[in-house]
Amino acid sequence: MVAAERAGMSQVELDAADCVIDLDADQASCPACMGTIPKGSVMCPECGLRIG
């Protein structure tokens, strides 16, 4: 993410943007809502964040 895209983002948003999700793990945590994302999902089932 370039500096211009990061301008105006809160620390929480910056932390989420820097998060890496292992899509091969049995489950992962959503960087937006911290919900559980099952393996093979392309969206968080709790908040709808697109991850894949």
Protein backbone atom coordinates (compact mmCIF):
# COMPACT_ATOMS: atom_id res chain seq x y z
CA MET A 1 0.00 0.00 0.00
CA VAL A 2 1.47 3.33 -1.01
CA ALA A 3 1.71 6.35 1.30
CA ALA A 4 -1.12 8.21 -0.46
CA GLU A 5 -3.49 5.29 0.19
CA ARG A 6 -2.47 5.18 3.87
CA ALA A 7 -3.04 8.91 4.48
CA GLY A 8 -5.94 9.52 6.82
CA MET A 9 -6.22 5.90 8.00
CA SER A 10 -6.54 5.20 11.71
CA GLN A 11 -4.02 2.99 13.49
CA VAL A 12 -6.57 0.16 13.56
CA GLU A 13 -7.03 0.47 9.79
CA LEU A 14 -3.26 0.55 9.23
CA ASP A 15 -2.79 -2.57 11.38
CA ALA A 16 -5.50 -4.39 9.42
CA ALA A 17 -4.00 -3.31 6.09
CA ASP A 18 -0.65 -4.76 7.13
CA CYS A 19 -2.18 -8.06 8.26
CA VAL A 20 -1.28 -11.24 6.40
CA ILE A 21 -3.83 -14.04 6.28
CA ASP A 22 -2.70 -17.64 5.67
CA LEU A 23 -5.43 -18.86 3.31
CA ASP A 24 -4.12 -22.42 3.63
CA ALA A 25 -4.63 -22.54 7.42
CA ASP A 26 -7.61 -24.48 8.79
CA GLN A 27 -8.96 -21.17 10.08
CA ALA A 28 -7.77 -17.59 10.36
CA SER A 29 -8.83 -14.41 12.11
CA CYS A 30 -10.38 -11.57 10.14
CA PRO A 31 -8.29 -8.40 10.43
CA ALA A 32 -11.44 -6.25 10.34
CA CYS A 33 -13.70 -7.92 12.92
CA MET A 34 -11.45 -10.64 14.40
CA GLY A 35 -14.06 -13.25 13.46
CA THR A 36 -13.11 -16.77 12.40
CA ILE A 37 -12.57 -17.34 8.69
CA PRO A 38 -12.82 -21.02 7.68
CA LYS A 39 -10.36 -22.53 5.20
CA GLY A 40 -11.34 -21.95 1.59
CA SER A 41 -13.39 -18.82 2.29
CA VAL A 42 -13.01 -15.74 0.12
CA MET A 43 -15.02 -13.51 2.47
CA CYS A 44 -15.33 -13.20 6.23
CA PRO A 45 -18.67 -14.82 7.18
CA GLU A 46 -19.12 -12.31 10.00
CA CYS A 47 -18.37 -8.91 8.39
CA GLY A 48 -18.08 -9.68 4.67
CA LEU A 49 -14.47 -8.52 4.25
CA ARG A 50 -13.13 -9.92 0.98
CA ILE A 51 -9.89 -11.79 1.66
CA GLY A 52 -9.26 -13.85 -1.43
